[in-house]
Amino acid sequence: MSRPAANIIRVECGAGRLTFADLTMSCTIGRGGACRAADKREGDGCTPIGTWPIRGVLLRPGKAEGRGIVLPWRWVRATDGWSDDVADPSYNRPVRLPRPFSAESLIRSDDAYDVIIVLGHNDAPPVPGQGSAIFFHLSEGRPTAGCVAVERTDMLRLLPLLAPGDLMEIMP
């Protein structure tokens, strides 16, 4: 399969469709629908419209394989979390659990976080309250908290095709 010149994963929120190169698949977005990135707020369930760099991949040991992945990746540990507390100096950053501020565990009871592609939304630098932990991950069969999600088989087809410098464009 050839790589597209722009290296962009396109998400059409209204159509529930994701495309990259010759691949097209169904996807789900946040329970709050899609919103302008400037309007995104912590906890609103909205998926931010815009073009976001792919920062890297987090994999759950025993649930996903790193073989064939070109993007930077690492295994998720039981103490890994992502800060969602607007008062936390590490807001919208990976953190170690437990901690005195609120943070989402990256180990979940479902399979959604077996593969996490970290998107560069609100991270350069993070603005407290404008959204945290916007990921591309596995589908739970329902809307997300603001992330983009696809079925496991689709993610596993797509993941080895992605490379450093690739982007995700989220459109209405």
N, C-alpha and C. Protein backbone atom coordinates (compact mmCIF):
# COMPACT_ATOMS: atom_id res chain seq x y z
N MET A 1 0.86 -1.18 0.00
CA MET A 1 0.00 0.00 0.00
C MET A 1 0.90 1.24 0.00
N SER A 2 0.64 2.19 -0.86
CA SER A 2 1.46 3.40 -0.93
C SER A 2 1.06 4.39 0.15
N ARG A 3 2.03 5.22 0.55
CA ARG A 3 1.77 6.24 1.56
C ARG A 3 1.30 7.51 0.87
N PRO A 4 0.30 8.21 1.44
CA PRO A 4 -0.16 9.46 0.85
C PRO A 4 0.91 10.53 1.00
N ALA A 5 0.95 11.48 0.06
CA ALA A 5 1.95 12.54 0.10
C ALA A 5 1.86 13.37 1.36
N ALA A 6 0.65 13.65 1.83
CA ALA A 6 0.46 14.52 2.99
C ALA A 6 0.52 13.76 4.31
N ASN A 7 0.47 12.42 4.29
CA ASN A 7 0.53 11.62 5.51
C ASN A 7 -0.52 12.03 6.52
N ILE A 8 -1.75 12.18 6.06
CA ILE A 8 -2.83 12.66 6.92
C ILE A 8 -3.90 11.58 7.08
N ILE A 9 -4.26 11.31 8.33
CA ILE A 9 -5.44 10.50 8.63
C ILE A 9 -6.60 11.48 8.65
N ARG A 10 -7.60 11.27 7.81
CA ARG A 10 -8.75 12.18 7.77
C ARG A 10 -9.93 11.56 8.49
N VAL A 11 -10.50 12.33 9.40
CA VAL A 11 -11.68 11.90 10.15
C VAL A 11 -12.83 12.80 9.76
N GLU A 12 -13.86 12.23 9.15
CA GLU A 12 -15.08 12.97 8.80
C GLU A 12 -16.11 12.64 9.87
N CYS A 13 -16.23 13.53 10.84
CA CYS A 13 -17.08 13.27 12.01
C CYS A 13 -18.53 13.01 11.63
N GLY A 14 -19.09 13.83 10.74
CA GLY A 14 -20.49 13.69 10.36
C GLY A 14 -20.79 12.37 9.69
N ALA A 15 -19.81 11.85 8.94
CA ALA A 15 -19.99 10.59 8.22
C ALA A 15 -19.55 9.39 9.05
N GLY A 16 -18.83 9.65 10.16
CA GLY A 16 -18.31 8.55 10.95
C GLY A 16 -17.29 7.73 10.18
N ARG A 17 -16.45 8.45 9.40
CA ARG A 17 -15.52 7.78 8.50
C ARG A 17 -14.10 8.29 8.72
N LEU A 18 -13.14 7.36 8.66
CA LEU A 18 -11.72 7.68 8.76
C LEU A 18 -11.03 7.12 7.53
N THR A 19 -10.16 7.91 6.91
CA THR A 19 -9.41 7.45 5.74
C THR A 19 -7.93 7.75 5.90
N PHE A 20 -7.11 6.84 5.38
CA PHE A 20 -5.66 7.03 5.29
C PHE A 20 -5.20 6.20 4.11
N ALA A 21 -4.57 6.86 3.15
CA ALA A 21 -4.12 6.19 1.93
C ALA A 21 -5.31 5.45 1.31
N ASP A 22 -5.18 4.15 1.08
CA ASP A 22 -6.24 3.36 0.45
C ASP A 22 -7.22 2.77 1.46
N LEU A 23 -7.01 3.04 2.74
CA LEU A 23 -7.88 2.49 3.78
C LEU A 23 -9.02 3.44 4.11
N THR A 24 -10.21 2.89 4.24
CA THR A 24 -11.37 3.63 4.73
C THR A 24 -12.04 2.75 5.77
N MET A 25 -12.41 3.35 6.90
CA MET A 25 -13.03 2.58 7.98
C MET A 25 -14.01 3.44 8.75
N SER A 26 -14.91 2.79 9.46
CA SER A 26 -15.83 3.50 10.34
C SER A 26 -15.08 3.94 11.59
N CYS A 27 -15.54 5.06 12.16
CA CYS A 27 -14.94 5.53 13.41
C CYS A 27 -16.03 6.16 14.27
N THR A 28 -15.74 6.28 15.54
CA THR A 28 -16.63 6.99 16.46
C THR A 28 -15.87 8.17 17.04
N ILE A 29 -16.64 9.17 17.46
CA ILE A 29 -16.06 10.36 18.07
C ILE A 29 -16.73 10.58 19.42
N GLY A 30 -16.50 11.74 20.00
CA GLY A 30 -17.01 12.06 21.32
C GLY A 30 -18.53 12.14 21.41
N ARG A 31 -19.03 11.84 22.60
CA ARG A 31 -20.48 11.89 22.87
C ARG A 31 -21.04 13.29 22.67
N GLY A 32 -20.19 14.32 22.76
CA GLY A 32 -20.61 15.71 22.55
C GLY A 32 -20.50 16.16 21.11
N GLY A 33 -20.19 15.23 20.19
CA GLY A 33 -20.04 15.58 18.78
C GLY A 33 -18.69 16.23 18.53
N ALA A 34 -18.60 16.98 17.44
CA ALA A 34 -17.37 17.68 17.09
C ALA A 34 -17.54 19.16 17.41
N CYS A 35 -16.45 19.81 17.80
CA CYS A 35 -16.50 21.24 18.11
C CYS A 35 -15.20 21.91 17.66
N ARG A 36 -15.27 23.22 17.51
CA ARG A 36 -14.06 23.99 17.21
C ARG A 36 -13.08 23.80 18.37
N ALA A 37 -11.80 23.67 18.05
CA ALA A 37 -10.80 23.46 19.09
C ALA A 37 -10.83 24.58 20.13
N ALA A 38 -11.09 25.81 19.69
CA ALA A 38 -11.15 26.96 20.61
C ALA A 38 -12.31 26.85 21.60
N ASP A 39 -13.33 26.06 21.24
CA ASP A 39 -14.50 25.89 22.11
C ASP A 39 -14.40 24.64 22.99
N LYS A 40 -13.39 23.81 22.78
CA LYS A 40 -13.22 22.57 23.55
C LYS A 40 -13.00 22.88 25.02
N ARG A 41 -13.71 22.15 25.89
CA ARG A 41 -13.58 22.32 27.34
C ARG A 41 -13.44 20.95 28.00
N GLU A 42 -12.70 20.92 29.08
CA GLU A 42 -12.49 19.67 29.83
C GLU A 42 -13.83 19.05 30.21
N GLY A 43 -14.00 17.77 29.88
CA GLY A 43 -15.18 17.03 30.28
C GLY A 43 -16.40 17.20 29.41
N ASP A 44 -16.31 17.96 28.30
CA ASP A 44 -17.50 18.21 27.47
C ASP A 44 -17.82 17.08 26.49
N GLY A 45 -16.94 16.10 26.36
CA GLY A 45 -17.19 14.98 25.46
C GLY A 45 -17.09 15.32 23.99
N CYS A 46 -16.55 16.48 23.69
CA CYS A 46 -16.46 16.98 22.32
C CYS A 46 -15.12 16.59 21.69
N THR A 47 -15.16 16.22 20.41
CA THR A 47 -13.94 15.92 19.66
C THR A 47 -13.51 17.19 18.94
N PRO A 48 -12.28 17.67 19.20
CA PRO A 48 -11.83 18.95 18.64
C PRO A 48 -11.49 18.89 17.15
N ILE A 49 -12.11 19.78 16.38
CA ILE A 49 -11.83 19.90 14.95
C ILE A 49 -10.46 20.56 14.79
N GLY A 50 -9.68 20.05 13.86
CA GLY A 50 -8.36 20.61 13.59
C GLY A 50 -7.43 19.54 13.08
N THR A 51 -6.18 19.93 12.87
CA THR A 51 -5.15 19.00 12.41
C THR A 51 -4.15 18.84 13.54
N TRP A 52 -3.99 17.60 14.00
CA TRP A 52 -3.19 17.32 15.19
C TRP A 52 -2.05 16.37 14.85
N PRO A 53 -0.83 16.70 15.30
CA PRO A 53 0.29 15.79 15.07
C PRO A 53 0.12 14.50 15.88
N ILE A 54 0.64 13.42 15.33
CA ILE A 54 0.68 12.15 16.06
C ILE A 54 1.98 12.15 16.85
N ARG A 55 1.86 12.05 18.18
CA ARG A 55 3.03 12.13 19.06
C ARG A 55 3.70 10.79 19.31
N GLY A 56 2.92 9.72 19.32
CA GLY A 56 3.48 8.40 19.60
C GLY A 56 2.38 7.43 19.95
N VAL A 57 2.79 6.21 20.33
CA VAL A 57 1.86 5.12 20.58
C VAL A 57 2.15 4.52 21.96
N LEU A 58 1.08 4.20 22.67
CA LEU A 58 1.16 3.49 23.95
C LEU A 58 0.44 2.16 23.77
N LEU A 59 1.10 1.08 24.15
CA LEU A 59 0.55 -0.27 23.97
C LEU A 59 0.43 -0.97 25.32
N ARG A 60 -0.66 -1.71 25.48
CA ARG A 60 -0.86 -2.47 26.72
C ARG A 60 -0.20 -3.84 26.56
N PRO A 61 0.74 -4.18 27.44
CA PRO A 61 1.42 -5.48 27.33
C PRO A 61 0.42 -6.64 27.38
N GLY A 62 0.65 -7.61 26.51
CA GLY A 62 -0.22 -8.77 26.45
C GLY A 62 -1.50 -8.55 25.67
N LYS A 63 -1.76 -7.30 25.26
CA LYS A 63 -2.99 -6.97 24.54
C LYS A 63 -2.71 -6.44 23.13
N ALA A 64 -1.47 -6.03 22.87
CA ALA A 64 -1.10 -5.47 21.57
C ALA A 64 0.39 -5.75 21.34
N GLU A 65 0.79 -5.75 20.08
CA GLU A 65 2.17 -6.03 19.70
C GLU A 65 2.84 -4.78 19.14
N GLY A 66 4.11 -4.60 19.43
CA GLY A 66 4.86 -3.47 18.90
C GLY A 66 5.51 -3.76 17.56
N ARG A 67 5.52 -5.02 17.15
CA ARG A 67 6.17 -5.42 15.91
C ARG A 67 5.57 -4.69 14.71
N GLY A 68 6.42 -4.10 13.88
CA GLY A 68 5.97 -3.44 12.67
C GLY A 68 5.57 -1.98 12.84
N ILE A 69 5.58 -1.48 14.07
CA ILE A 69 5.20 -0.08 14.31
C ILE A 69 6.41 0.82 14.06
N VAL A 70 6.26 1.83 13.22
CA VAL A 70 7.33 2.76 12.89
C VAL A 70 7.32 3.97 13.82
N LEU A 71 6.14 4.36 14.28
CA LEU A 71 6.03 5.48 15.22
C LEU A 71 6.74 5.15 16.53
N PRO A 72 7.20 6.16 17.26
CA PRO A 72 7.75 5.88 18.59
C PRO A 72 6.66 5.27 19.48
N TRP A 73 7.00 4.23 20.22
CA TRP A 73 6.01 3.58 21.07
C TRP A 73 6.67 3.07 22.35
N ARG A 74 5.81 2.81 23.34
CA ARG A 74 6.27 2.17 24.58
C ARG A 74 5.11 1.42 25.21
N TRP A 75 5.47 0.52 26.13
CA TRP A 75 4.47 -0.23 26.88
C TRP A 75 3.87 0.66 27.96
N VAL A 76 2.58 0.49 28.22
CA VAL A 76 1.91 1.18 29.32
C VAL A 76 2.14 0.37 30.60
N ARG A 77 2.42 1.08 31.68
CA ARG A 77 2.62 0.46 32.99
C ARG A 77 1.40 0.72 33.87
N ALA A 78 1.23 -0.07 34.91
CA ALA A 78 0.08 0.06 35.81
C ALA A 78 0.01 1.42 36.47
N THR A 79 1.14 2.10 36.60
CA THR A 79 1.17 3.42 37.25
C THR A 79 1.04 4.58 36.27
N ASP A 80 0.81 4.29 34.99
CA ASP A 80 0.70 5.36 33.99
C ASP A 80 -0.69 5.97 33.99
N GLY A 81 -0.73 7.30 33.97
CA GLY A 81 -1.98 8.03 33.87
C GLY A 81 -1.81 9.24 32.98
N TRP A 82 -2.90 9.99 32.80
CA TRP A 82 -2.88 11.22 32.01
C TRP A 82 -3.65 12.26 32.81
N SER A 83 -3.02 13.39 33.11
CA SER A 83 -3.64 14.40 33.96
C SER A 83 -4.82 15.07 33.26
N ASP A 84 -5.95 15.13 33.99
CA ASP A 84 -7.14 15.83 33.49
C ASP A 84 -7.60 16.89 34.48
N ASP A 85 -6.74 17.23 35.43
CA ASP A 85 -7.08 18.18 36.49
C ASP A 85 -6.54 19.56 36.12
N VAL A 86 -7.44 20.53 35.94
CA VAL A 86 -7.03 21.87 35.51
C VAL A 86 -6.11 22.56 36.52
N ALA A 87 -6.10 22.11 37.77
CA ALA A 87 -5.22 22.69 38.79
C ALA A 87 -3.83 22.03 38.80
N ASP A 88 -3.67 20.96 38.04
CA ASP A 88 -2.41 20.21 38.03
C ASP A 88 -1.40 20.91 37.12
N PRO A 89 -0.18 21.18 37.61
CA PRO A 89 0.85 21.74 36.73
C PRO A 89 1.19 20.81 35.56
N SER A 90 0.84 19.53 35.67
CA SER A 90 1.08 18.56 34.59
C SER A 90 -0.17 18.30 33.75
N TYR A 91 -1.13 19.25 33.76
CA TYR A 91 -2.37 19.10 33.00
C TYR A 91 -2.09 18.69 31.55
N ASN A 92 -2.86 17.73 31.07
CA ASN A 92 -2.76 17.18 29.71
C ASN A 92 -1.36 16.65 29.40
N ARG A 93 -0.79 16.00 30.39
CA ARG A 93 0.52 15.36 30.24
C ARG A 93 0.46 13.96 30.86
N PRO A 94 1.35 13.08 30.40
CA PRO A 94 1.43 11.77 31.07
C PRO A 94 1.97 11.96 32.49
N VAL A 95 1.41 11.18 33.42
CA VAL A 95 1.80 11.28 34.83
C VAL A 95 1.89 9.88 35.43
N ARG A 96 2.49 9.81 36.62
CA ARG A 96 2.56 8.56 37.39
C ARG A 96 1.47 8.57 38.45
N LEU A 97 0.79 7.44 38.59
CA LEU A 97 -0.26 7.29 39.60
C LEU A 97 0.31 6.51 40.79
N PRO A 98 -0.21 6.72 41.99
CA PRO A 98 -1.20 7.73 42.36
C PRO A 98 -0.56 9.11 42.45
N ARG A 99 -1.40 10.13 42.47
CA ARG A 99 -0.93 11.51 42.58
C ARG A 99 -2.02 12.33 43.25
N PRO A 100 -1.69 13.51 43.75
CA PRO A 100 -2.68 14.31 44.48
C PRO A 100 -3.72 14.98 43.60
N PHE A 101 -3.51 14.97 42.29
CA PHE A 101 -4.46 15.57 41.34
C PHE A 101 -5.20 14.47 40.59
N SER A 102 -6.34 14.82 40.01
CA SER A 102 -7.11 13.88 39.21
C SER A 102 -6.33 13.50 37.95
N ALA A 103 -6.38 12.23 37.61
CA ALA A 103 -5.73 11.74 36.39
C ALA A 103 -6.44 10.46 35.95
N GLU A 104 -6.51 10.28 34.65
CA GLU A 104 -7.11 9.08 34.07
C GLU A 104 -6.05 7.98 34.00
N SER A 105 -6.39 6.78 34.46
CA SER A 105 -5.48 5.64 34.34
C SER A 105 -5.43 5.20 32.88
N LEU A 106 -4.23 4.84 32.41
CA LEU A 106 -4.09 4.36 31.04
C LEU A 106 -4.27 2.84 30.95
N ILE A 107 -4.54 2.21 32.08
CA ILE A 107 -4.93 0.80 32.12
C ILE A 107 -6.42 0.78 32.45
N ARG A 108 -7.22 0.31 31.51
CA ARG A 108 -8.67 0.30 31.71
C ARG A 108 -9.20 -1.13 31.78
N SER A 109 -10.40 -1.26 32.31
CA SER A 109 -11.01 -2.59 32.42
C SER A 109 -11.53 -3.09 31.07
N ASP A 110 -11.79 -2.17 30.14
CA ASP A 110 -12.18 -2.58 28.78
C ASP A 110 -10.93 -2.61 27.91
N ASP A 111 -11.10 -2.80 26.61
CA ASP A 111 -9.96 -2.89 25.69
C ASP A 111 -9.64 -1.59 24.97
N ALA A 112 -10.34 -0.51 25.26
CA ALA A 112 -10.20 0.73 24.50
C ALA A 112 -8.77 1.25 24.46
N TYR A 113 -8.04 1.11 25.57
CA TYR A 113 -6.68 1.63 25.65
C TYR A 113 -5.62 0.55 25.43
N ASP A 114 -5.97 -0.56 24.81
CA ASP A 114 -4.94 -1.54 24.45
C ASP A 114 -3.96 -0.92 23.47
N VAL A 115 -4.46 -0.04 22.60
CA VAL A 115 -3.63 0.74 21.67
C VAL A 115 -4.08 2.19 21.79
N ILE A 116 -3.16 3.07 22.14
CA ILE A 116 -3.44 4.51 22.23
C ILE A 116 -2.47 5.23 21.31
N ILE A 117 -3.00 6.00 20.38
CA ILE A 117 -2.17 6.91 19.59
C ILE A 117 -2.40 8.29 20.18
N VAL A 118 -1.33 8.88 20.69
CA VAL A 118 -1.42 10.18 21.36
C VAL A 118 -1.43 11.27 20.30
N LEU A 119 -2.46 12.13 20.36
CA LEU A 119 -2.58 13.26 19.43
C LEU A 119 -2.10 14.54 20.11
N GLY A 120 -1.49 15.41 19.34
CA GLY A 120 -0.95 16.66 19.87
C GLY A 120 -1.99 17.75 19.96
N HIS A 121 -3.09 17.47 20.65
CA HIS A 121 -4.12 18.49 20.89
C HIS A 121 -3.84 19.16 22.23
N ASN A 122 -3.84 20.49 22.26
CA ASN A 122 -3.67 21.28 23.49
C ASN A 122 -2.45 20.84 24.29
N ASP A 123 -1.32 20.71 23.59
CA ASP A 123 -0.12 20.25 24.31
C ASP A 123 1.12 21.10 24.08
N ALA A 124 1.00 22.21 23.37
CA ALA A 124 2.20 22.97 23.03
C ALA A 124 2.03 24.47 23.25
N PRO A 125 1.91 24.94 24.48
CA PRO A 125 1.80 24.20 25.74
C PRO A 125 0.34 23.94 26.06
N PRO A 126 0.08 23.04 27.04
CA PRO A 126 -1.30 22.79 27.44
C PRO A 126 -1.93 24.03 28.08
N VAL A 127 -3.18 24.29 27.74
CA VAL A 127 -3.95 25.36 28.38
C VAL A 127 -4.97 24.68 29.28
N PRO A 128 -4.85 24.85 30.60
CA PRO A 128 -5.78 24.17 31.52
C PRO A 128 -7.24 24.45 31.16
N GLY A 129 -8.02 23.37 31.09
CA GLY A 129 -9.44 23.47 30.81
C GLY A 129 -9.82 23.33 29.35
N GLN A 130 -8.85 23.34 28.43
CA GLN A 130 -9.18 23.26 27.01
C GLN A 130 -9.08 21.85 26.44
N GLY A 131 -9.16 20.87 27.31
CA GLY A 131 -9.22 19.48 26.87
C GLY A 131 -7.93 18.72 27.09
N SER A 132 -8.09 17.50 27.59
CA SER A 132 -6.93 16.64 27.84
C SER A 132 -7.20 15.24 27.31
N ALA A 133 -6.11 14.51 27.12
CA ALA A 133 -6.18 13.09 26.73
C ALA A 133 -7.03 12.87 25.48
N ILE A 134 -6.78 13.68 24.45
CA ILE A 134 -7.44 13.44 23.16
C ILE A 134 -6.57 12.43 22.41
N PHE A 135 -7.08 11.21 22.35
CA PHE A 135 -6.35 10.09 21.78
C PHE A 135 -7.09 9.52 20.57
N PHE A 136 -6.40 8.68 19.84
CA PHE A 136 -6.96 7.81 18.81
C PHE A 136 -6.78 6.40 19.37
N HIS A 137 -7.89 5.71 19.67
CA HIS A 137 -7.79 4.43 20.36
C HIS A 137 -8.82 3.44 19.83
N LEU A 138 -8.92 2.31 20.48
CA LEU A 138 -9.85 1.25 20.06
C LEU A 138 -11.27 1.58 20.48
N SER A 139 -12.22 1.16 19.65
CA SER A 139 -13.63 1.44 19.89
C SER A 139 -14.20 0.56 21.00
N GLU A 140 -15.08 1.16 21.78
CA GLU A 140 -15.83 0.43 22.81
C GLU A 140 -17.25 0.16 22.32
N GLY A 141 -17.56 0.54 21.07
CA GLY A 141 -18.90 0.35 20.53
C GLY A 141 -19.87 1.45 20.92
N ARG A 142 -19.35 2.55 21.43
CA ARG A 142 -20.19 3.70 21.80
C ARG A 142 -19.34 4.96 21.65
N PRO A 143 -19.97 6.14 21.70
CA PRO A 143 -19.19 7.38 21.60
C PRO A 143 -18.13 7.47 22.70
N THR A 144 -17.08 8.21 22.41
CA THR A 144 -15.95 8.37 23.34
C THR A 144 -16.16 9.60 24.22
N ALA A 145 -15.17 9.89 25.04
CA ALA A 145 -15.19 11.10 25.87
C ALA A 145 -14.59 12.30 25.13
N GLY A 146 -14.33 12.13 23.82
CA GLY A 146 -13.77 13.21 23.00
C GLY A 146 -12.71 12.72 22.03
N CYS A 147 -12.33 11.47 22.17
CA CYS A 147 -11.31 10.86 21.31
C CYS A 147 -11.93 10.37 20.00
N VAL A 148 -11.06 9.87 19.11
CA VAL A 148 -11.47 9.17 17.89
C VAL A 148 -11.17 7.70 18.13
N ALA A 149 -12.08 6.81 17.76
CA ALA A 149 -11.89 5.38 18.00
C ALA A 149 -12.31 4.56 16.79
N VAL A 150 -11.58 3.46 16.58
CA VAL A 150 -11.90 2.50 15.52
C VAL A 150 -11.84 1.09 16.09
N GLU A 151 -12.38 0.15 15.33
CA GLU A 151 -12.34 -1.26 15.73
C GLU A 151 -10.90 -1.76 15.74
N ARG A 152 -10.63 -2.75 16.57
CA ARG A 152 -9.28 -3.30 16.72
C ARG A 152 -8.69 -3.73 15.38
N THR A 153 -9.45 -4.47 14.56
CA THR A 153 -8.92 -4.96 13.29
C THR A 153 -8.50 -3.80 12.38
N ASP A 154 -9.28 -2.72 12.39
CA ASP A 154 -8.93 -1.55 11.59
C ASP A 154 -7.67 -0.87 12.12
N MET A 155 -7.57 -0.71 13.44
CA MET A 155 -6.38 -0.09 14.04
C MET A 155 -5.13 -0.90 13.70
N LEU A 156 -5.23 -2.22 13.77
CA LEU A 156 -4.06 -3.06 13.51
C LEU A 156 -3.65 -3.03 12.04
N ARG A 157 -4.58 -2.77 11.13
CA ARG A 157 -4.23 -2.57 9.71
C ARG A 157 -3.56 -1.23 9.51
N LEU A 158 -4.04 -0.21 10.21
CA LEU A 158 -3.56 1.16 10.04
C LEU A 158 -2.22 1.42 10.73
N LEU A 159 -2.05 0.91 11.92
CA LEU A 159 -0.91 1.25 12.77
C LEU A 159 0.46 1.09 12.10
N PRO A 160 0.75 -0.01 11.39
CA PRO A 160 2.08 -0.14 10.78
C PRO A 160 2.31 0.81 9.60
N LEU A 161 1.26 1.44 9.10
CA LEU A 161 1.40 2.37 7.98
C LEU A 161 1.77 3.78 8.43
N LEU A 162 1.59 4.07 9.70
CA LEU A 162 1.84 5.42 10.22
C LEU A 162 3.31 5.62 10.52
N ALA A 163 3.77 6.87 10.35
CA ALA A 163 5.18 7.19 10.55
C ALA A 163 5.31 8.55 11.23
N PRO A 164 6.48 8.81 11.82
CA PRO A 164 6.70 10.14 12.41
C PRO A 164 6.41 11.24 11.39
N GLY A 165 5.75 12.29 11.85
CA GLY A 165 5.36 13.41 10.98
C GLY A 165 3.94 13.31 10.49
N ASP A 166 3.31 12.15 10.64
CA ASP A 166 1.92 12.00 10.21
C ASP A 166 0.99 12.82 11.10
N LEU A 167 -0.17 13.15 10.55
CA LEU A 167 -1.14 14.02 11.22
C LEU A 167 -2.52 13.38 11.20
N MET A 168 -3.37 13.82 12.13
CA MET A 168 -4.79 13.47 12.08
C MET A 168 -5.57 14.76 11.88
N GLU A 169 -6.35 14.80 10.79
CA GLU A 169 -7.21 15.95 10.52
C GLU A 169 -8.64 15.57 10.87
N ILE A 170 -9.19 16.26 11.86
CA ILE A 170 -10.56 16.01 12.30
C ILE A 170 -11.44 17.10 11.70
N MET A 171 -12.41 16.66 10.89
CA MET A 171 -13.30 17.58 10.18
C MET A 171 -14.73 17.38 10.66
N PRO A 172 -15.58 18.43 10.54
CA PRO A 172 -16.99 18.29 10.98
C PRO A 172 -17.72 17.14 10.32
